[in-house]
Protein backbone atom coordinates (compact mmCIF):
# COMPACT_ATOMS: atom_id res chain seq x y z
CA MET A 1 3.39 -178.60 50.16
CA ARG A 2 4.50 -177.90 46.68
CA LYS A 3 7.23 -180.41 45.15
CA LYS A 4 10.53 -178.41 44.77
CA ARG A 5 11.42 -176.64 41.68
CA ILE A 6 14.39 -176.74 39.43
CA VAL A 7 15.00 -174.59 36.31
CA ILE A 8 17.53 -176.46 33.87
CA ALA A 9 19.09 -174.21 31.36
CA LEU A 10 20.96 -175.89 28.61
CA GLY A 11 24.00 -174.02 26.76
CA HIS A 12 25.38 -174.26 23.71
CA GLU A 13 27.78 -177.31 24.57
CA ALA A 14 25.39 -179.02 26.18
CA LEU A 15 22.85 -178.71 23.46
CA GLY A 16 24.99 -179.04 20.23
CA THR A 17 25.30 -177.81 16.74
CA THR A 18 24.43 -179.90 13.96
CA LEU A 19 20.89 -181.95 13.72
CA PRO A 20 22.50 -184.96 14.40
CA GLU A 21 24.21 -183.40 17.80
CA GLN A 22 21.40 -181.98 19.27
CA GLN A 23 19.62 -184.93 18.99
CA ALA A 24 22.13 -186.66 20.83
CA ALA A 25 22.25 -183.97 23.56
CA ALA A 26 18.39 -183.84 23.93
CA LYS A 27 19.00 -187.74 24.81
CA ASN A 28 21.71 -186.80 27.66
CA THR A 29 19.26 -184.03 28.32
CA ALA A 30 16.46 -186.73 28.67
CA GLU A 31 17.82 -188.98 31.26
CA ALA A 32 19.31 -185.49 33.70
CA VAL A 33 15.44 -184.55 33.68
CA ALA A 34 14.08 -187.75 34.14
CA GLU A 35 16.78 -188.55 37.46
CA PHE A 36 15.27 -184.82 38.79
CA ILE A 37 11.71 -186.03 38.30
CA ARG A 38 12.46 -189.32 40.58
CA GLN A 39 13.74 -187.19 43.16
CA ASP A 40 9.95 -185.55 42.78
CA TYR A 41 11.11 -182.08 41.49
CA GLN A 42 9.00 -179.93 38.86
CA VAL A 43 10.93 -179.43 36.26
CA VAL A 44 11.28 -176.57 33.66
CA ILE A 45 14.20 -176.29 31.22
CA THR A 46 15.67 -173.59 29.01
CA HIS A 47 18.10 -173.39 26.32
CA SER A 48 20.54 -171.98 24.00
CA ASN A 49 19.71 -171.42 20.36
CA GLY A 50 22.44 -169.73 18.94
CA PRO A 51 23.99 -172.27 16.00
CA GLN A 52 20.36 -172.88 15.10
CA VAL A 53 18.78 -169.26 14.87
CA GLY A 54 22.16 -168.16 13.34
CA MET A 55 21.66 -171.24 11.22
CA ILE A 56 17.82 -170.24 10.44
CA HIS A 57 18.54 -166.39 9.92
CA THR A 58 20.94 -166.90 7.27
CA ALA A 59 18.54 -169.64 5.59
CA MET A 60 15.81 -167.24 5.51
CA SER A 61 18.14 -164.23 4.37
CA GLU A 62 19.64 -166.21 1.66
CA PHE A 63 15.88 -167.49 0.88
CA ALA A 64 14.72 -164.26 -0.02
CA LYS A 65 17.91 -162.55 -1.29
CA ASN A 66 17.33 -165.35 -4.38
CA HIS A 67 13.35 -165.19 -4.28
CA THR A 68 12.80 -161.16 -4.90
CA GLU A 69 8.55 -161.95 -4.13
CA TYR A 70 9.32 -162.91 -0.18
CA THR A 71 10.50 -160.72 2.22
CA ALA A 72 13.60 -161.12 4.50
CA THR A 73 12.60 -162.78 8.12
CA PRO A 74 12.44 -160.96 10.90
CA MET A 75 15.04 -161.97 14.08
CA SER A 76 12.24 -162.41 16.33
CA VAL A 77 10.35 -164.74 14.17
CA CYS A 78 13.91 -166.64 13.75
CA SER A 79 13.65 -166.67 17.53
CA ALA A 80 10.24 -168.42 17.80
CA MET A 81 11.60 -170.88 14.52
CA SER A 82 14.37 -172.01 16.74
CA GLN A 83 12.23 -172.78 19.87
CA GLY A 84 10.05 -175.10 18.38
CA TYR A 85 13.05 -176.56 16.45
CA ILE A 86 14.73 -176.91 19.61
CA GLY A 87 11.66 -177.86 21.65
CA TYR A 88 10.21 -180.76 19.76
CA ASP A 89 13.68 -182.63 19.91
CA LEU A 90 13.87 -182.05 23.44
CA GLN A 91 10.03 -182.94 24.61
CA SER A 92 10.42 -185.81 22.09
CA ALA A 93 13.48 -187.17 23.55
CA ILE A 94 12.53 -186.34 27.21
CA ARG A 95 9.11 -188.16 26.51
CA GLY A 96 10.59 -190.97 25.45
CA GLU A 97 12.84 -191.99 28.52
CA LEU A 98 10.09 -191.13 30.79
CA LEU A 99 7.83 -193.87 29.45
CA THR A 100 10.69 -195.66 29.08
CA GLN A 101 11.24 -195.42 33.21
CA GLY A 102 7.55 -196.21 33.73
CA ILE A 103 7.11 -192.24 34.37
CA TYR A 104 3.64 -190.79 32.54
CA LYS A 105 4.13 -187.26 32.06
CA THR A 106 3.52 -184.60 29.94
CA VAL A 107 6.36 -182.57 28.13
CA SER A 108 5.53 -179.31 26.35
CA THR A 109 7.20 -176.81 25.03
CA ILE A 110 6.28 -172.88 25.13
CA LEU A 111 6.53 -170.25 22.68
CA THR A 112 8.16 -167.77 25.00
CA GLN A 113 8.11 -164.16 24.22
CA VAL A 114 9.76 -161.63 26.47
CA ILE A 115 9.12 -157.91 27.07
CA VAL A 116 12.36 -155.45 27.02
CA ASP A 117 12.62 -151.87 27.23
CA PRO A 118 12.84 -149.72 23.93
CA TYR A 119 15.46 -147.59 26.12
CA ASP A 120 17.65 -150.69 27.61
CA GLU A 121 20.95 -149.09 26.99
CA ALA A 122 21.56 -152.47 25.00
CA PHE A 123 19.70 -150.60 22.11
CA TYR A 124 21.90 -147.77 21.77
CA THR A 125 25.15 -150.18 21.85
CA PRO A 126 24.26 -153.45 19.64
CA SER A 127 26.88 -155.86 20.17
CA LYS A 128 25.48 -159.40 19.38
CA GLU A 129 27.06 -160.70 16.02
CA ILE A 130 24.23 -162.96 13.98
CA GLY A 131 23.84 -164.00 10.29
CA ARG A 132 26.42 -164.85 7.60
CA ILE A 133 29.22 -162.76 6.56
CA LEU A 134 28.44 -160.16 4.28
CA THR A 135 29.73 -158.11 1.12
CA LYS A 136 30.51 -154.32 2.33
CA GLU A 137 27.51 -153.93 -0.65
CA GLU A 138 24.87 -156.11 1.62
CA ALA A 139 26.14 -154.71 5.05
CA GLU A 140 25.66 -151.04 3.11
CA ALA A 141 22.20 -152.26 1.94
CA GLU A 142 21.59 -153.40 5.74
CA GLU A 143 22.68 -150.22 7.25
CA LYS A 144 19.58 -148.10 4.77
CA LYS A 145 17.34 -150.35 6.35
CA GLY A 146 18.48 -149.29 9.96
CA ASN A 147 19.79 -152.68 11.04
CA HIS A 148 23.64 -152.37 12.62
CA VAL A 149 26.22 -154.57 11.02
CA LYS A 150 30.12 -154.20 12.16
CA GLU A 151 33.14 -154.94 9.99
CA VAL A 152 35.13 -158.55 10.64
CA GLU A 153 37.76 -160.77 9.35
CA GLY A 154 36.16 -161.81 5.77
CA GLY A 155 33.39 -159.03 5.46
CA TYR A 156 30.67 -157.69 7.56
CA ARG A 157 28.59 -159.19 10.57
CA ARG A 158 25.14 -157.88 11.41
CA ILE A 159 24.79 -157.15 14.91
CA VAL A 160 21.85 -156.91 17.59
CA ALA A 161 21.04 -155.48 21.01
CA THR A 162 21.36 -158.26 23.91
CA PRO A 163 18.32 -156.45 26.33
CA TYR A 164 17.27 -157.28 29.98
CA PRO A 165 14.60 -159.24 30.07
CA MET A 166 11.51 -157.53 31.91
CA GLU A 167 8.36 -159.68 31.59
CA VAL A 168 7.79 -163.32 30.45
CA VAL A 169 4.32 -162.85 28.83
CA GLU A 170 3.64 -166.74 29.50
CA ILE A 171 4.13 -167.27 32.78
CA ASP A 172 0.69 -167.84 33.59
CA ALA A 173 0.78 -171.01 31.22
CA ILE A 174 4.26 -171.67 32.82
CA LYS A 175 2.98 -171.64 35.99
CA ALA A 176 -0.22 -174.22 35.10
CA LEU A 177 2.09 -176.68 33.32
CA LEU A 178 4.16 -176.28 36.50
CA ASN A 179 2.16 -177.01 38.90
CA ALA A 180 -0.30 -179.43 36.94
CA ASP A 181 3.24 -181.15 37.37
CA GLN A 182 4.27 -181.76 33.61
CA VAL A 183 7.74 -181.20 32.27
CA VAL A 184 7.74 -177.66 30.37
CA ILE A 185 10.41 -176.31 28.14
CA ALA A 186 9.92 -172.61 28.10
CA CYS A 187 12.12 -169.30 27.50
CA GLY A 188 14.44 -171.27 24.67
CA GLY A 189 17.21 -168.67 23.46
CA GLY A 190 16.66 -166.24 26.10
CA GLY A 191 13.15 -166.19 24.81
CA ILE A 192 11.66 -164.34 21.84
CA PRO A 193 11.89 -160.08 22.65
CA VAL A 194 8.86 -158.53 21.73
CA LEU A 195 8.19 -154.26 22.46
CA GLU A 196 4.88 -153.52 24.25
CA GLN A 197 2.82 -151.25 21.85
CA ASP A 198 -0.52 -150.62 23.47
CA ARG A 199 -2.17 -153.80 23.89
CA HIS A 200 -0.03 -155.59 21.06
CA LEU A 201 3.52 -156.65 21.28
CA LYS A 202 5.83 -156.42 18.09
CA GLY A 203 9.25 -158.80 17.92
CA ALA A 204 12.35 -156.69 18.66
CA SER A 205 15.76 -156.92 16.35
CA ALA A 206 17.75 -158.42 19.31
CA VAL A 207 18.92 -161.32 21.13
CA ILE A 208 18.35 -161.95 24.97
CA GLU A 209 21.58 -163.71 26.89
CA LYS A 210 19.58 -166.98 27.53
CA ASP A 211 21.77 -167.28 31.56
CA THR A 212 20.00 -164.01 32.27
CA ALA A 213 16.38 -165.09 31.01
CA ALA A 214 17.03 -168.69 32.54
CA GLY A 215 18.08 -166.63 36.12
CA HIS A 216 14.54 -164.36 35.34
CA LEU A 217 12.45 -167.78 34.77
CA ALA A 218 13.96 -169.07 38.04
CA ASP A 219 12.80 -166.13 39.93
CA LEU A 220 9.48 -165.90 38.94
CA LEU A 221 9.01 -169.57 39.57
CA ASP A 222 10.09 -169.40 43.09
CA ALA A 223 12.77 -172.37 42.20
CA ASP A 224 14.32 -173.70 44.63
CA MET A 225 17.44 -174.26 42.16
CA LEU A 226 19.22 -173.16 38.92
CA VAL A 227 20.92 -175.83 37.02
CA ILE A 228 23.55 -174.34 34.05
CA LEU A 229 25.13 -176.71 32.10
CA THR A 230 27.73 -175.79 29.67
CA GLY A 231 30.89 -176.87 28.20
CA VAL A 232 33.75 -177.10 31.62
CA GLU A 233 33.05 -179.35 34.83
CA LYS A 234 33.65 -176.44 36.89
CA VAL A 235 33.52 -172.93 37.28
CA CYS A 236 37.53 -171.77 37.76
CA LEU A 237 39.87 -168.95 38.77
CA ASN A 238 42.54 -168.63 36.07
CA PHE A 239 40.63 -170.07 33.50
CA GLY A 240 43.39 -171.72 30.97
CA LYS A 241 46.23 -171.07 32.60
CA GLU A 242 48.60 -172.80 34.44
CA ASP A 243 47.55 -171.80 37.98
CA GLU A 244 43.91 -172.69 36.82
CA LYS A 245 41.89 -173.48 39.48
CA PRO A 246 38.24 -175.47 39.58
CA LEU A 247 35.43 -174.04 42.20
CA ASP A 248 33.55 -176.41 44.15
CA HIS A 249 31.55 -173.71 45.78
CA MET A 250 31.37 -170.47 45.96
CA THR A 251 29.23 -167.80 47.76
CA VAL A 252 27.42 -164.80 46.42
CA SER A 253 29.55 -162.27 47.70
CA GLU A 254 32.59 -164.28 46.38
CA ALA A 255 31.40 -164.71 43.50
CA SER A 256 30.80 -161.10 42.67
CA GLU A 257 34.04 -159.80 43.80
CA TYR A 258 35.66 -162.85 41.20
CA LEU A 259 33.26 -160.88 38.58
CA LYS A 260 35.16 -157.09 39.73
CA GLU A 261 38.29 -158.73 39.58
CA GLY A 262 37.44 -160.06 35.76
CA GLU A 263 38.01 -163.69 36.82
CA PHE A 264 35.22 -164.47 34.14
CA GLY A 265 34.99 -163.82 30.46
CA GLU A 266 32.11 -161.77 29.30
CA GLY A 267 31.20 -163.90 26.47
CA THR A 268 31.41 -166.80 28.39
CA MET A 269 31.12 -167.41 32.14
CA ALA A 270 30.54 -163.89 33.86
CA PRO A 271 26.49 -163.87 32.23
CA LYS A 272 26.23 -167.29 34.03
CA ILE A 273 27.73 -166.11 36.57
CA LYS A 274 25.35 -162.32 36.94
CA ALA A 275 22.61 -165.19 36.30
CA ALA A 276 23.09 -167.22 39.49
CA ILE A 277 23.85 -163.73 41.64
CA ASP A 278 20.57 -162.18 41.06
CA TYR A 279 18.79 -165.13 40.86
CA ILE A 280 19.78 -166.36 44.44
CA GLY A 281 19.52 -162.39 45.98
CA ASP A 282 19.30 -162.36 49.30
CA SER A 283 17.72 -166.13 49.84
CA ALA A 284 19.12 -168.40 52.09
CA VAL A 285 17.62 -171.47 50.18
CA ARG A 286 18.38 -170.70 47.04
CA LYS A 287 21.13 -172.55 44.63
CA VAL A 288 22.85 -172.28 41.37
CA LEU A 289 25.26 -174.94 39.75
CA ILE A 290 27.26 -174.69 36.96
CA THR A 291 28.45 -178.44 35.61
CA LYS A 292 28.73 -179.94 32.50
CA LEU A 293 26.40 -182.58 30.47
CA GLY A 294 28.10 -185.40 29.97
CA PRO A 295 28.50 -189.52 30.03
CA ASP A 296 29.67 -189.04 33.71
CA LYS A 297 27.28 -188.85 36.27
CA ASN A 298 29.97 -188.62 38.90
CA THR A 299 30.29 -184.87 37.63
CA ILE A 300 29.68 -182.37 40.44
CA GLY A 301 29.90 -178.96 39.42
CA THR A 302 30.17 -175.49 41.19
CA MET A 303 27.59 -174.95 43.69
CA ILE A 304 26.96 -171.60 44.09
CA THR A 305 25.02 -170.03 47.59
CA LYS A 306 24.15 -167.43 50.04
C-alpha cells in the first residue's frame, strides 16, 4: 500500500521576492514539509518564479544590450535558471530541517520541461508581462524580432503567452523519486514551456500558469491532496469589500458557480480555483487546501472537495 501523496504549490507570497526573503520563506516551507513527512506523506513541491524569472530576464537582456557580442537569453532558458536558483534554496532548507528532526531523505530538484500546444489560443492573445519597462525604440525592436509588446505606464513591456500544460516531460523521473520516498521539487514556475518538433523539444516564448501546472502535476501523480499556498488565509467572497466573507469549505460545484459569477480575480484567485476544480474532477477523495504559509501553525484555510 503506497503512502499518501501531497503536492504543495508555493505562490509568490509564500516564496518572497528578494534573496533574503526567499531564503526566509524556504525555511518556513521546510518546516511545513517536515510536518507532512512526519504524517507519512510523500511530498512534491512546485513553486512560483514570477519575480525571479523577471529579474533574470531583465539582467540577461541588459547584459546583451551592453555587450553586443552576446545574444539575448530566451525565456525558456531564463525559466530554467529560475528553477535551479529557487530549487537550490528550497532543497537546502528542507534537507537541513529534515536532518534537524532526525529524518533522512534525499531532496531533489528536477529541471522540468512541460510540452505545450503550438496552436493553443494563448499564443494568439499573449497577455503575461515580463521584463523591464522598454522605450518606444526598444519596443519596436522587439516587435521586429517577432515578439509582442504592450504600452504601459512609463513605456512598454514585452508580453508572452500563457498556454495550458499538456505533458510533463520528466514525469517518469519525478515518479521514480517519489516512489523511492524522496522529496521532489518540480515544475517550478509552471515548468519550462517547450514545443515538440519531431524528436526535439524547443523552448517556447511563453510562461505556464503555475497553479494550472501544479494541478496538472498533482493529477498525473494521482496525489491525494493539493495544497496551494498564497497570500491570504482563506478564499473569500466579496474580497476586499465591507461584506467580505471567508470560506472554510467549498464543493467543486460551488466553486464553479462562484467562478461564473466573477467572484475571483483573474490574475489572483481564479487560476487557483480553476486548478482545484480540474484536479479534483469527479474524484470523491481528492481535496485541495488554499491557505497562507506563515508563523501561525493553526491557520486552517479553505478546503475544496467534491
